[in-house]
Amino acid sequence: MVQIITLDERIFNVKIRKAGSSYFFHDGWFNMIQLLLLPNNSLLMFQYEGSLTFRLIYFYKDFALAQGDFLHCQTSQFSEHKDH
């Protein structure tokens, strides 16, 4: 279980699931999306703050507006860069 904190300090508890070598937000995720009223095709940006906590720092209302170099982060980078 991780916590996702919005910029206005709302806290959502979300379970993480592993599939292969990737990790995904799962249980609790849909509830957060509904409560934040996020439209389809939104791109969410997170900052890992340690201790299983992520800060939701930005989202694009239209996924097509996002720059391609922001779209992927390898799981191995979490141990290499503490600000991911």
N, C-alpha and C. Protein backbone atom coordinates (compact mmCIF):
# COMPACT_ATOMS: atom_id res chain seq x y z
N MET A 1 0.85 -1.17 0.00
CA MET A 1 0.00 0.00 0.00
C MET A 1 0.90 1.24 0.00
N VAL A 2 0.57 2.21 -0.85
CA VAL A 2 1.29 3.49 -0.90
C VAL A 2 0.31 4.62 -0.67
N GLN A 3 0.83 5.79 -0.38
CA GLN A 3 0.00 6.98 -0.27
C GLN A 3 0.32 7.89 -1.44
N ILE A 4 -0.74 8.44 -2.03
CA ILE A 4 -0.59 9.47 -3.07
C ILE A 4 -1.18 10.74 -2.48
N ILE A 5 -0.37 11.79 -2.45
CA ILE A 5 -0.77 13.06 -1.85
C ILE A 5 -0.89 14.11 -2.96
N THR A 6 -2.01 14.80 -3.02
CA THR A 6 -2.21 15.85 -4.02
C THR A 6 -1.59 17.16 -3.51
N LEU A 7 -1.48 18.13 -4.38
CA LEU A 7 -0.90 19.42 -3.99
C LEU A 7 -1.76 20.14 -2.95
N ASP A 8 -3.06 19.83 -2.90
CA ASP A 8 -3.91 20.43 -1.86
C ASP A 8 -4.01 19.52 -0.63
N GLU A 9 -3.05 18.59 -0.50
CA GLU A 9 -2.85 17.73 0.67
C GLU A 9 -3.93 16.66 0.88
N ARG A 10 -4.69 16.32 -0.15
CA ARG A 10 -5.58 15.16 -0.04
C ARG A 10 -4.73 13.90 -0.14
N ILE A 11 -5.06 12.90 0.66
CA ILE A 11 -4.28 11.67 0.71
C ILE A 11 -5.14 10.51 0.24
N PHE A 12 -4.58 9.71 -0.69
CA PHE A 12 -5.24 8.52 -1.20
C PHE A 12 -4.34 7.32 -0.95
N ASN A 13 -4.92 6.26 -0.39
CA ASN A 13 -4.19 5.01 -0.19
C ASN A 13 -4.47 4.10 -1.38
N VAL A 14 -3.40 3.65 -2.03
CA VAL A 14 -3.52 2.86 -3.25
C VAL A 14 -2.60 1.64 -3.13
N LYS A 15 -3.13 0.49 -3.50
CA LYS A 15 -2.34 -0.73 -3.47
C LYS A 15 -1.54 -0.85 -4.75
N ILE A 16 -0.31 -1.36 -4.63
CA ILE A 16 0.58 -1.58 -5.77
C ILE A 16 0.51 -3.06 -6.16
N ARG A 17 0.44 -3.33 -7.45
CA ARG A 17 0.48 -4.70 -7.96
C ARG A 17 1.67 -4.84 -8.89
N LYS A 18 2.32 -6.00 -8.84
CA LYS A 18 3.45 -6.28 -9.72
C LYS A 18 2.99 -7.20 -10.85
N ALA A 19 3.37 -6.86 -12.08
CA ALA A 19 3.11 -7.70 -13.25
C ALA A 19 4.41 -7.79 -14.03
N GLY A 20 5.04 -8.92 -14.01
CA GLY A 20 6.35 -9.07 -14.64
C GLY A 20 7.38 -8.25 -13.89
N SER A 21 8.05 -7.37 -14.60
CA SER A 21 9.05 -6.50 -13.95
C SER A 21 8.50 -5.09 -13.71
N SER A 22 7.19 -4.89 -13.92
CA SER A 22 6.58 -3.57 -13.76
C SER A 22 5.66 -3.53 -12.55
N TYR A 23 5.46 -2.34 -12.00
CA TYR A 23 4.57 -2.13 -10.88
C TYR A 23 3.46 -1.17 -11.31
N PHE A 24 2.24 -1.42 -10.81
CA PHE A 24 1.09 -0.61 -11.20
C PHE A 24 0.29 -0.21 -9.97
N PHE A 25 -0.24 1.03 -9.97
CA PHE A 25 -1.23 1.42 -8.98
C PHE A 25 -2.48 0.60 -9.27
N HIS A 26 -3.13 0.06 -8.23
CA HIS A 26 -4.27 -0.82 -8.48
C HIS A 26 -5.44 -0.47 -7.59
N ASP A 27 -5.68 -1.24 -6.54
CA ASP A 27 -6.82 -1.02 -5.66
C ASP A 27 -6.76 0.38 -5.04
N GLY A 28 -7.82 1.14 -5.17
CA GLY A 28 -7.87 2.51 -4.68
C GLY A 28 -7.61 3.54 -5.77
N TRP A 29 -7.02 3.10 -6.87
CA TRP A 29 -6.69 4.00 -7.98
C TRP A 29 -7.94 4.60 -8.61
N PHE A 30 -8.91 3.76 -8.94
CA PHE A 30 -10.12 4.24 -9.60
C PHE A 30 -10.88 5.22 -8.70
N ASN A 31 -10.91 4.96 -7.42
CA ASN A 31 -11.55 5.87 -6.47
C ASN A 31 -10.88 7.24 -6.51
N MET A 32 -9.55 7.27 -6.55
CA MET A 32 -8.82 8.54 -6.60
C MET A 32 -9.16 9.29 -7.89
N ILE A 33 -9.17 8.60 -9.02
CA ILE A 33 -9.47 9.22 -10.31
C ILE A 33 -10.86 9.85 -10.28
N GLN A 34 -11.83 9.12 -9.72
CA GLN A 34 -13.20 9.63 -9.65
C GLN A 34 -13.30 10.86 -8.74
N LEU A 35 -12.69 10.80 -7.58
CA LEU A 35 -12.77 11.92 -6.63
C LEU A 35 -12.06 13.17 -7.14
N LEU A 36 -11.00 13.00 -7.91
CA LEU A 36 -10.28 14.14 -8.48
C LEU A 36 -10.92 14.65 -9.77
N LEU A 37 -11.93 13.94 -10.25
CA LEU A 37 -12.65 14.31 -11.48
C LEU A 37 -11.71 14.44 -12.68
N LEU A 38 -10.79 13.49 -12.80
CA LEU A 38 -9.83 13.54 -13.90
C LEU A 38 -10.47 13.01 -15.19
N PRO A 39 -10.33 13.75 -16.28
CA PRO A 39 -10.91 13.29 -17.55
C PRO A 39 -10.09 12.14 -18.15
N ASN A 40 -10.70 11.43 -19.11
CA ASN A 40 -9.97 10.41 -19.87
C ASN A 40 -8.79 11.06 -20.57
N ASN A 41 -7.78 10.28 -20.85
CA ASN A 41 -6.56 10.72 -21.55
C ASN A 41 -5.72 11.70 -20.75
N SER A 42 -5.90 11.74 -19.44
CA SER A 42 -5.05 12.58 -18.59
C SER A 42 -3.71 11.90 -18.38
N LEU A 43 -2.66 12.67 -18.24
CA LEU A 43 -1.34 12.16 -17.90
C LEU A 43 -0.99 12.69 -16.53
N LEU A 44 -0.78 11.81 -15.58
CA LEU A 44 -0.43 12.21 -14.22
C LEU A 44 1.07 12.13 -14.02
N MET A 45 1.62 13.10 -13.31
CA MET A 45 3.05 13.12 -13.01
C MET A 45 3.21 12.98 -11.50
N PHE A 46 4.09 12.09 -11.07
CA PHE A 46 4.30 11.83 -9.66
C PHE A 46 5.74 12.08 -9.27
N GLN A 47 5.93 12.46 -8.03
CA GLN A 47 7.26 12.57 -7.45
C GLN A 47 7.31 11.59 -6.29
N TYR A 48 8.28 10.68 -6.31
CA TYR A 48 8.44 9.73 -5.20
C TYR A 48 9.10 10.46 -4.04
N GLU A 49 8.47 10.42 -2.88
CA GLU A 49 8.99 11.16 -1.72
C GLU A 49 9.57 10.24 -0.66
N GLY A 50 9.70 8.95 -0.95
CA GLY A 50 10.22 7.99 0.01
C GLY A 50 9.12 7.46 0.91
N SER A 51 9.43 6.44 1.67
CA SER A 51 8.48 5.85 2.61
C SER A 51 7.14 5.51 1.97
N LEU A 52 7.20 4.98 0.74
CA LEU A 52 5.99 4.56 0.01
C LEU A 52 4.99 5.70 -0.19
N THR A 53 5.50 6.91 -0.41
CA THR A 53 4.65 8.08 -0.63
C THR A 53 5.00 8.73 -1.95
N PHE A 54 3.96 9.05 -2.73
CA PHE A 54 4.10 9.74 -4.00
C PHE A 54 3.33 11.04 -3.93
N ARG A 55 3.88 12.10 -4.50
CA ARG A 55 3.19 13.38 -4.60
C ARG A 55 2.69 13.52 -6.04
N LEU A 56 1.39 13.74 -6.19
CA LEU A 56 0.82 14.01 -7.52
C LEU A 56 1.13 15.48 -7.81
N ILE A 57 2.04 15.72 -8.75
CA ILE A 57 2.51 17.09 -8.95
C ILE A 57 1.92 17.77 -10.17
N TYR A 58 1.41 17.00 -11.15
CA TYR A 58 0.88 17.65 -12.34
C TYR A 58 0.08 16.65 -13.15
N PHE A 59 -0.87 17.14 -13.91
CA PHE A 59 -1.51 16.29 -14.90
C PHE A 59 -1.89 17.11 -16.12
N TYR A 60 -1.79 16.46 -17.26
CA TYR A 60 -2.26 17.03 -18.52
C TYR A 60 -3.68 16.56 -18.74
N LYS A 61 -4.57 17.46 -19.09
CA LYS A 61 -5.94 17.05 -19.39
C LYS A 61 -6.00 16.29 -20.70
N ASP A 62 -5.03 16.51 -21.58
CA ASP A 62 -4.99 15.80 -22.85
C ASP A 62 -3.62 15.14 -22.97
N PHE A 63 -3.60 13.83 -22.98
CA PHE A 63 -2.38 13.05 -23.04
C PHE A 63 -1.50 13.46 -24.23
N ALA A 64 -2.10 13.87 -25.34
CA ALA A 64 -1.36 14.24 -26.55
C ALA A 64 -0.48 15.48 -26.33
N LEU A 65 -0.75 16.28 -25.32
CA LEU A 65 0.04 17.49 -25.06
C LEU A 65 1.35 17.21 -24.33
N ALA A 66 1.47 16.02 -23.78
CA ALA A 66 2.65 15.69 -22.97
C ALA A 66 3.87 15.43 -23.85
N GLN A 67 5.02 15.82 -23.37
CA GLN A 67 6.26 15.55 -24.09
C GLN A 67 6.63 14.08 -23.91
N GLY A 68 7.11 13.44 -24.95
CA GLY A 68 7.42 12.02 -24.93
C GLY A 68 8.47 11.61 -23.92
N ASP A 69 9.43 12.49 -23.58
CA ASP A 69 10.48 12.08 -22.67
C ASP A 69 10.02 12.01 -21.22
N PHE A 70 8.79 12.40 -20.91
CA PHE A 70 8.26 12.30 -19.56
C PHE A 70 7.47 11.01 -19.33
N LEU A 71 7.34 10.18 -20.34
CA LEU A 71 6.35 9.11 -20.29
C LEU A 71 6.82 7.80 -19.68
N HIS A 72 8.09 7.64 -19.39
CA HIS A 72 8.54 6.34 -18.92
C HIS A 72 9.68 6.48 -17.92
N CYS A 73 9.66 5.63 -16.93
CA CYS A 73 10.76 5.58 -15.95
C CYS A 73 11.00 4.13 -15.61
N GLN A 74 12.19 3.63 -15.85
CA GLN A 74 12.51 2.24 -15.54
C GLN A 74 12.49 2.04 -14.02
N THR A 75 12.02 0.86 -13.58
CA THR A 75 11.97 0.59 -12.14
C THR A 75 13.36 0.60 -11.52
N SER A 76 14.40 0.26 -12.27
CA SER A 76 15.75 0.26 -11.73
C SER A 76 16.21 1.67 -11.39
N GLN A 77 15.60 2.69 -12.01
CA GLN A 77 15.99 4.08 -11.74
C GLN A 77 15.57 4.54 -10.35
N PHE A 78 14.60 3.86 -9.73
CA PHE A 78 14.17 4.27 -8.41
C PHE A 78 15.29 4.18 -7.40
N SER A 79 16.15 3.17 -7.53
CA SER A 79 17.25 3.05 -6.58
C SER A 79 18.40 3.97 -6.94
N GLU A 80 18.51 4.37 -8.21
CA GLU A 80 19.61 5.21 -8.66
C GLU A 80 19.37 6.69 -8.43
N HIS A 81 18.10 7.12 -8.47
CA HIS A 81 17.78 8.54 -8.38
C HIS A 81 16.70 8.74 -7.33
N LYS A 82 17.06 9.32 -6.21
CA LYS A 82 16.08 9.44 -5.12
C LYS A 82 14.93 10.39 -5.41
N ASP A 83 15.03 11.24 -6.46
CA ASP A 83 13.98 12.19 -6.74
C ASP A 83 12.92 11.65 -7.70
N HIS A 84 13.02 10.38 -8.14
CA HIS A 84 12.00 9.80 -9.01
C HIS A 84 10.83 9.32 -8.17
